[in-house]
Amino acid sequence: MPGIFGAALRGLGMLGKGKKVSKTISSVKPNVPKTNLEKAKSKLAIAKQKTKASKAKLNKTLFDIEQKSKGRE
């Protein structure tokens, strides 16, 4: 019997509460570069990040090759 009453109470609790929707996402302004300088800065930042990713990928490949040559795979 306690299981039935517990389920009923949980059901009633769900009916009374409304869902809260966060306003955080709607209040964030998009970062859209307007001037040529801002566009160039944005492209530079993207290029830097791509370079970092490529370097990390290369380092991992070199590490894997080194470990394989040592027989530690």
N, C-alpha and C. Protein backbone atom coordinates (compact mmCIF):
# COMPACT_ATOMS: atom_id res chain seq x y z
N MET A 1 0.79 -1.21 0.00
CA MET A 1 0.00 0.00 0.00
C MET A 1 0.84 1.28 0.00
N PRO A 2 1.98 1.31 0.73
CA PRO A 2 2.72 2.58 0.75
C PRO A 2 3.20 2.98 -0.65
N GLY A 3 3.44 2.02 -1.51
CA GLY A 3 3.89 2.34 -2.86
C GLY A 3 2.84 3.11 -3.65
N ILE A 4 1.58 2.77 -3.45
CA ILE A 4 0.50 3.44 -4.18
C ILE A 4 0.37 4.89 -3.72
N PHE A 5 0.44 5.11 -2.41
CA PHE A 5 0.30 6.47 -1.89
C PHE A 5 1.49 7.33 -2.31
N GLY A 6 2.68 6.72 -2.30
CA GLY A 6 3.88 7.47 -2.71
C GLY A 6 3.79 7.91 -4.16
N ALA A 7 3.28 7.00 -5.01
CA ALA A 7 3.14 7.33 -6.43
C ALA A 7 2.10 8.43 -6.62
N ALA A 8 1.02 8.35 -5.84
CA ALA A 8 -0.02 9.37 -5.95
C ALA A 8 0.51 10.73 -5.52
N LEU A 9 1.29 10.76 -4.45
CA LEU A 9 1.84 12.04 -3.99
C LEU A 9 2.82 12.62 -5.00
N ARG A 10 3.64 11.76 -5.60
CA ARG A 10 4.58 12.25 -6.61
C ARG A 10 3.81 12.81 -7.81
N GLY A 11 2.74 12.15 -8.19
CA GLY A 11 1.93 12.62 -9.31
C GLY A 11 1.31 13.97 -9.03
N LEU A 12 0.80 14.16 -7.81
CA LEU A 12 0.20 15.45 -7.45
C LEU A 12 1.26 16.54 -7.40
N GLY A 13 2.44 16.20 -6.93
CA GLY A 13 3.52 17.18 -6.87
C GLY A 13 3.91 17.66 -8.26
N MET A 14 3.84 16.78 -9.23
CA MET A 14 4.21 17.14 -10.59
C MET A 14 3.17 18.06 -11.23
N LEU A 15 1.92 17.92 -10.82
CA LEU A 15 0.86 18.74 -11.41
C LEU A 15 0.96 20.19 -10.97
N GLY A 16 1.38 20.43 -9.74
CA GLY A 16 1.38 21.77 -9.17
C GLY A 16 2.52 22.65 -9.65
N LYS A 17 3.60 22.06 -10.11
CA LYS A 17 4.78 22.85 -10.45
C LYS A 17 4.86 23.09 -11.96
N GLY A 18 5.16 24.33 -12.31
CA GLY A 18 5.40 24.64 -13.72
C GLY A 18 6.90 24.58 -13.99
N LYS A 19 7.27 24.33 -15.21
CA LYS A 19 8.68 24.24 -15.54
C LYS A 19 9.27 25.64 -15.69
N LYS A 20 10.44 25.85 -15.11
CA LYS A 20 11.13 27.13 -15.26
C LYS A 20 12.01 27.07 -16.50
N VAL A 21 11.96 28.12 -17.27
CA VAL A 21 12.81 28.20 -18.46
C VAL A 21 13.83 29.30 -18.21
N SER A 22 15.08 28.96 -18.37
CA SER A 22 16.16 29.91 -18.13
C SER A 22 16.18 30.99 -19.21
N LYS A 23 16.44 32.21 -18.82
CA LYS A 23 16.53 33.33 -19.76
C LYS A 23 17.97 33.57 -20.19
N THR A 24 18.90 32.77 -19.72
CA THR A 24 20.31 32.98 -19.98
C THR A 24 20.63 32.94 -21.46
N ILE A 25 20.14 31.95 -22.16
CA ILE A 25 20.50 31.78 -23.56
C ILE A 25 19.93 32.92 -24.41
N SER A 26 18.74 33.35 -24.12
CA SER A 26 18.13 34.41 -24.93
C SER A 26 18.78 35.76 -24.68
N SER A 27 19.52 35.91 -23.58
CA SER A 27 20.12 37.21 -23.29
C SER A 27 21.55 37.33 -23.80
N VAL A 28 22.12 36.27 -24.36
CA VAL A 28 23.48 36.31 -24.86
C VAL A 28 23.48 36.86 -26.28
N LYS A 29 24.28 37.90 -26.50
CA LYS A 29 24.36 38.51 -27.83
C LYS A 29 25.36 37.74 -28.68
N PRO A 30 25.07 37.53 -29.95
CA PRO A 30 26.01 36.84 -30.83
C PRO A 30 27.20 37.74 -31.14
N ASN A 31 28.36 37.13 -31.30
CA ASN A 31 29.56 37.87 -31.61
C ASN A 31 29.75 37.88 -33.12
N VAL A 32 29.18 38.89 -33.78
CA VAL A 32 29.27 38.98 -35.23
C VAL A 32 30.18 40.16 -35.56
N PRO A 33 31.34 39.87 -36.17
CA PRO A 33 32.25 40.96 -36.51
C PRO A 33 31.67 41.84 -37.62
N LYS A 34 31.73 43.16 -37.43
CA LYS A 34 31.14 44.09 -38.40
C LYS A 34 32.20 44.78 -39.24
N THR A 35 33.28 45.21 -38.60
CA THR A 35 34.31 45.92 -39.36
C THR A 35 35.32 44.93 -39.93
N ASN A 36 36.12 45.43 -40.86
CA ASN A 36 37.14 44.57 -41.47
C ASN A 36 38.16 44.14 -40.45
N LEU A 37 38.50 45.02 -39.50
CA LEU A 37 39.46 44.68 -38.46
C LEU A 37 38.93 43.56 -37.58
N GLU A 38 37.66 43.66 -37.17
CA GLU A 38 37.05 42.61 -36.34
C GLU A 38 37.00 41.28 -37.09
N LYS A 39 36.70 41.35 -38.40
CA LYS A 39 36.65 40.12 -39.21
C LYS A 39 38.03 39.48 -39.29
N ALA A 40 39.06 40.30 -39.47
CA ALA A 40 40.43 39.79 -39.55
C ALA A 40 40.85 39.16 -38.23
N LYS A 41 40.50 39.81 -37.10
CA LYS A 41 40.82 39.27 -35.77
C LYS A 41 40.14 37.92 -35.57
N SER A 42 38.89 37.82 -36.00
CA SER A 42 38.14 36.58 -35.86
C SER A 42 38.79 35.47 -36.68
N LYS A 43 39.15 35.78 -37.92
CA LYS A 43 39.79 34.78 -38.78
C LYS A 43 41.14 34.35 -38.21
N LEU A 44 41.86 35.31 -37.63
CA LEU A 44 43.15 34.99 -37.02
C LEU A 44 42.98 34.05 -35.83
N ALA A 45 41.98 34.32 -35.00
CA ALA A 45 41.72 33.46 -33.83
C ALA A 45 41.35 32.05 -34.27
N ILE A 46 40.56 31.95 -35.32
CA ILE A 46 40.17 30.63 -35.84
C ILE A 46 41.38 29.90 -36.39
N ALA A 47 42.24 30.62 -37.12
CA ALA A 47 43.44 30.01 -37.69
C ALA A 47 44.38 29.53 -36.59
N LYS A 48 44.52 30.33 -35.51
CA LYS A 48 45.37 29.92 -34.38
C LYS A 48 44.86 28.63 -33.77
N GLN A 49 43.55 28.54 -33.59
CA GLN A 49 42.97 27.35 -32.97
C GLN A 49 43.16 26.13 -33.86
N LYS A 50 43.01 26.30 -35.16
CA LYS A 50 43.21 25.19 -36.09
C LYS A 50 44.67 24.74 -36.07
N THR A 51 45.59 25.70 -35.94
CA THR A 51 47.01 25.37 -35.88
C THR A 51 47.32 24.58 -34.62
N LYS A 52 46.73 25.00 -33.50
CA LYS A 52 46.93 24.27 -32.23
C LYS A 52 46.43 22.84 -32.35
N ALA A 53 45.26 22.68 -32.96
CA ALA A 53 44.69 21.34 -33.11
C ALA A 53 45.56 20.47 -34.00
N SER A 54 46.06 21.05 -35.09
CA SER A 54 46.93 20.29 -35.99
C SER A 54 48.22 19.88 -35.30
N LYS A 55 48.78 20.78 -34.51
CA LYS A 55 50.01 20.48 -33.79
C LYS A 55 49.79 19.35 -32.78
N ALA A 56 48.67 19.39 -32.07
CA ALA A 56 48.36 18.35 -31.10
C ALA A 56 48.19 17.00 -31.79
N LYS A 57 47.54 17.00 -32.94
CA LYS A 57 47.32 15.77 -33.69
C LYS A 57 48.66 15.19 -34.17
N LEU A 58 49.54 16.08 -34.66
CA LEU A 58 50.85 15.65 -35.11
C LEU A 58 51.67 15.08 -33.96
N ASN A 59 51.64 15.76 -32.80
CA ASN A 59 52.38 15.27 -31.64
C ASN A 59 51.89 13.90 -31.20
N LYS A 60 50.59 13.67 -31.26
CA LYS A 60 50.05 12.37 -30.88
C LYS A 60 50.51 11.30 -31.86
N THR A 61 50.50 11.63 -33.14
CA THR A 61 50.96 10.68 -34.15
C THR A 61 52.42 10.33 -33.93
N LEU A 62 53.26 11.35 -33.69
CA LEU A 62 54.68 11.11 -33.44
C LEU A 62 54.88 10.25 -32.20
N PHE A 63 54.10 10.52 -31.16
CA PHE A 63 54.19 9.74 -29.92
C PHE A 63 53.81 8.29 -30.18
N ASP A 64 52.73 8.08 -30.93
CA ASP A 64 52.29 6.71 -31.24
C ASP A 64 53.35 5.96 -32.02
N ILE A 65 53.97 6.63 -32.99
CA ILE A 65 55.02 5.99 -33.79
C ILE A 65 56.21 5.63 -32.91
N GLU A 66 56.57 6.56 -32.03
CA GLU A 66 57.70 6.32 -31.12
C GLU A 66 57.41 5.13 -30.20
N GLN A 67 56.21 5.05 -29.66
CA GLN A 67 55.85 3.96 -28.75
C GLN A 67 55.81 2.64 -29.51
N LYS A 68 55.32 2.67 -30.74
CA LYS A 68 55.26 1.44 -31.52
C LYS A 68 56.65 0.93 -31.85
N SER A 69 57.58 1.86 -32.12
CA SER A 69 58.95 1.43 -32.44
C SER A 69 59.65 0.84 -31.21
N LYS A 70 59.22 1.25 -30.02
CA LYS A 70 59.79 0.71 -28.79
C LYS A 70 59.08 -0.57 -28.37
N GLY A 71 58.02 -0.93 -29.07
CA GLY A 71 57.28 -2.14 -28.76
C GLY A 71 56.35 -1.99 -27.56
N ARG A 72 55.85 -0.80 -27.35
CA ARG A 72 54.97 -0.54 -26.19
C ARG A 72 53.53 -0.30 -26.62
N GLU A 73 53.15 -0.90 -27.68
CA GLU A 73 51.78 -0.67 -28.12
C GLU A 73 50.79 -1.49 -27.37
